[in-house]
Amino acid sequence: MGWRFHNQHSPKPLTQEQADALLDRIMTELELDGTPLPSPSKRKYYRIVKRRRLIKRIAAAACLFIVLACMAPGTVIPVSISELQTAPASDSSSVQVTFQLNSVIPVREVTAQVNNRPLSVDSHGYQQYTVTVEENGYLLLDVCSITGMHSTQGIEISGIDTQASKGISCQLKNI
């Protein structure tokens, strides 16, 4: 047996016509019209919310436009190679070239070659690179940014002793 919420002494429910007539009488006595208008404070709040949404959308579109403009080739300053330093090895068999990049945008690839032969480029920290050159010639450094722009710098390397000993070791034997 379920619960009963209907009281035997409660009046009968109103018909639809009676409910409409009662609502019209209450609205007339309270001097209310049928369509409630939002208060001025609510209208002001909704205007502020709509304005903020519009500003956020405009800002997001502007950021997207700036990012796309920076990603297009030729729209930003290319990567530049700076702080180029050379340090010869103690036996003059190689030269270590260290350089740093100045760039606002990320770098995609850094390559080096001497006399059209590729060399390995080692990264040491943020935009700092090292190349070890073991022969005389023209060192060409090429940097490709994420936008596809290339920046190159060349250096003439001379003074490397190609006849220098490379890891010769001696062992003495007791007789």
Protein backbone atom coordinates (compact mmCIF):
# COMPACT_ATOMS: atom_id res chain seq x y z
CA MET A 1 0.00 0.00 0.00
CA GLY A 2 1.46 3.37 -1.05
CA TRP A 3 1.41 6.76 0.55
CA ARG A 4 -1.52 9.01 -0.01
CA PHE A 5 -0.96 12.70 -0.24
CA HIS A 6 -4.54 13.62 -1.03
CA ASN A 7 -6.46 14.98 1.92
CA GLN A 8 -10.16 14.21 1.96
CA HIS A 9 -11.00 17.71 3.16
CA SER A 10 -9.05 19.56 0.43
CA PRO A 11 -11.07 21.37 -2.23
CA LYS A 12 -11.44 19.96 -5.69
CA PRO A 13 -8.78 20.94 -8.22
CA LEU A 14 -9.64 23.90 -10.45
CA THR A 15 -10.53 23.42 -14.05
CA GLN A 16 -8.37 25.09 -16.70
CA GLU A 17 -10.93 27.88 -17.21
CA GLN A 18 -11.16 28.55 -13.47
CA ALA A 19 -7.32 28.63 -13.14
CA ASP A 20 -7.00 31.10 -16.04
CA ALA A 21 -9.72 33.33 -14.59
CA LEU A 22 -8.08 33.29 -11.16
CA LEU A 23 -4.67 34.18 -12.64
CA ASP A 24 -6.18 37.06 -14.65
CA ARG A 25 -7.93 38.41 -11.53
CA ILE A 26 -4.70 38.26 -9.46
CA MET A 27 -2.70 39.97 -12.23
CA THR A 28 -5.32 42.71 -12.54
CA GLU A 29 -5.51 43.35 -8.79
CA LEU A 30 -1.70 43.55 -8.52
CA GLU A 31 -1.58 45.76 -11.63
CA LEU A 32 0.83 43.46 -13.44
CA ASP A 33 0.79 42.91 -17.13
CA GLY A 34 1.26 39.45 -18.61
CA THR A 35 4.93 39.74 -19.65
CA PRO A 36 7.36 40.29 -16.83
CA LEU A 37 10.28 42.57 -17.79
CA PRO A 38 13.71 42.05 -16.32
CA SER A 39 14.79 44.64 -13.82
CA PRO A 40 17.20 47.39 -14.91
CA SER A 41 20.01 45.78 -12.90
CA LYS A 42 19.49 42.47 -14.72
CA ARG A 43 19.52 44.22 -18.09
CA LYS A 44 22.74 46.00 -17.14
CA TYR A 45 24.28 42.70 -16.00
CA TYR A 46 23.34 40.98 -19.28
CA ARG A 47 24.84 43.87 -21.27
CA ILE A 48 28.10 43.56 -19.31
CA VAL A 49 28.20 39.78 -19.83
CA LYS A 50 27.57 40.16 -23.57
CA ARG A 51 30.23 42.88 -23.84
CA ARG A 52 32.79 40.69 -22.02
CA ARG A 53 32.04 37.75 -24.31
CA LEU A 54 32.50 39.98 -27.33
CA ILE A 55 35.81 41.35 -26.01
CA LYS A 56 37.07 37.82 -25.26
CA ARG A 57 36.15 36.65 -28.75
CA ILE A 58 37.85 39.65 -30.35
CA ALA A 59 40.98 39.08 -28.23
CA ALA A 60 41.05 35.37 -29.13
CA ALA A 61 40.69 36.19 -32.83
CA ALA A 62 43.47 38.79 -32.59
CA CYS A 63 45.79 36.30 -30.86
CA LEU A 64 45.05 33.68 -33.49
CA PHE A 65 45.74 36.21 -36.24
CA ILE A 66 49.07 37.22 -34.66
CA VAL A 67 50.15 33.59 -34.28
CA LEU A 68 49.24 32.81 -37.88
CA ALA A 69 51.02 35.95 -39.07
CA CYS A 70 54.17 34.96 -37.16
CA MET A 71 54.08 31.47 -38.64
CA ALA A 72 53.97 32.72 -42.23
CA PRO A 73 57.37 32.94 -43.97
CA GLY A 74 58.74 36.44 -44.35
CA THR A 75 56.56 38.10 -41.73
CA VAL A 76 58.97 37.98 -38.81
CA ILE A 77 62.61 38.83 -38.33
CA PRO A 78 64.76 35.86 -39.32
CA VAL A 79 66.98 34.03 -36.87
CA SER A 80 70.41 35.60 -36.47
CA ILE A 81 73.64 33.92 -35.41
CA SER A 82 75.44 35.84 -32.69
CA GLU A 83 78.29 35.43 -30.23
CA LEU A 84 80.39 33.31 -32.55
CA GLN A 85 83.52 32.04 -30.77
CA THR A 86 86.30 29.72 -31.89
CA ALA A 87 88.67 27.77 -29.67
CA PRO A 88 91.48 25.64 -31.11
CA ALA A 89 92.35 22.28 -29.59
CA SER A 90 95.62 22.02 -27.66
CA ASP A 91 97.31 20.08 -30.47
CA SER A 92 95.81 22.27 -33.26
CA SER A 93 94.07 19.25 -34.78
CA SER A 94 90.59 20.80 -34.57
CA VAL A 95 88.69 23.97 -33.83
CA GLN A 96 85.59 24.16 -31.70
CA VAL A 97 83.10 26.77 -32.93
CA THR A 98 80.47 27.90 -30.43
CA PHE A 99 77.59 30.16 -31.41
CA GLN A 100 74.30 31.41 -30.05
CA LEU A 101 71.08 32.20 -31.89
CA ASN A 102 68.93 35.28 -31.43
CA SER A 103 65.36 34.36 -32.21
CA VAL A 104 61.90 35.08 -30.93
CA ILE A 105 60.41 32.04 -32.62
CA PRO A 106 61.62 28.43 -32.22
CA VAL A 107 64.33 26.94 -34.41
CA ARG A 108 63.53 23.88 -36.51
CA GLU A 109 67.01 22.83 -37.65
CA VAL A 110 70.66 23.86 -37.31
CA THR A 111 73.17 22.43 -39.80
CA ALA A 112 76.88 22.92 -40.41
CA GLN A 113 79.17 21.88 -43.22
CA VAL A 114 82.84 22.31 -44.16
CA ASN A 115 83.76 22.11 -47.83
CA ASN A 116 80.26 20.72 -48.58
CA ARG A 117 80.65 17.90 -46.03
CA PRO A 118 78.10 17.86 -43.19
CA LEU A 119 79.21 18.17 -39.57
CA SER A 120 77.37 17.27 -36.39
CA VAL A 121 75.95 20.16 -34.38
CA ASP A 122 75.67 19.76 -30.61
CA SER A 123 73.14 21.74 -28.59
CA HIS A 124 74.23 23.18 -25.24
CA GLY A 125 71.30 24.89 -23.54
CA TYR A 126 68.76 27.26 -24.98
CA GLN A 127 69.81 28.23 -28.53
CA GLN A 128 73.52 27.58 -27.88
CA TYR A 129 75.33 25.24 -30.27
CA THR A 130 78.82 23.81 -30.79
CA VAL A 131 80.51 22.42 -33.91
CA THR A 132 83.91 20.70 -33.98
CA VAL A 133 85.81 21.30 -37.23
CA GLU A 134 88.75 19.00 -38.02
CA GLU A 135 89.83 20.33 -41.42
CA ASN A 136 90.62 23.69 -42.98
CA GLY A 137 88.03 25.20 -45.26
CA TYR A 138 84.85 27.23 -45.37
CA LEU A 139 82.44 26.53 -42.49
CA LEU A 140 78.82 27.26 -43.39
CA LEU A 141 76.25 27.46 -40.58
CA ASP A 142 72.59 27.27 -41.63
CA VAL A 143 69.65 27.84 -39.28
CA CYS A 144 66.06 27.13 -40.31
CA SER A 145 63.31 28.62 -38.14
CA ILE A 146 59.92 27.02 -37.61
CA THR A 147 58.49 29.38 -40.25
CA GLY A 148 60.89 28.00 -42.86
CA MET A 149 63.15 31.06 -43.04
CA HIS A 150 66.87 30.30 -43.40
CA SER A 151 69.75 32.29 -41.98
CA THR A 152 73.32 31.44 -42.93
CA GLN A 153 76.75 32.56 -41.84
CA GLY A 154 80.10 31.47 -43.21
CA ILE A 155 83.56 31.42 -41.62
CA GLU A 156 86.91 30.65 -43.17
CA ILE A 157 88.73 28.11 -41.00
CA SER A 158 92.52 27.92 -41.34
CA GLY A 159 95.38 26.92 -39.10
CA ILE A 160 94.27 23.38 -38.39
CA ASP A 161 97.26 21.05 -38.46
CA THR A 162 96.06 18.07 -40.48
CA GLN A 163 99.26 16.18 -39.62
CA ALA A 164 98.78 16.54 -35.84
CA SER A 165 98.82 13.34 -33.89
CA LYS A 166 95.41 11.97 -33.10
CA GLY A 167 95.47 9.79 -30.04
CA ILE A 168 98.89 8.15 -30.38
CA SER A 169 99.75 6.31 -27.20
CA CYS A 170 103.02 4.73 -26.13
CA GLN A 171 103.58 1.78 -23.88
CA LEU A 172 106.86 1.09 -22.14
CA LYS A 173 107.95 -2.46 -21.42
CA ASN A 174 110.42 -3.44 -18.78
CA ILE A 175 113.19 -5.70 -20.01
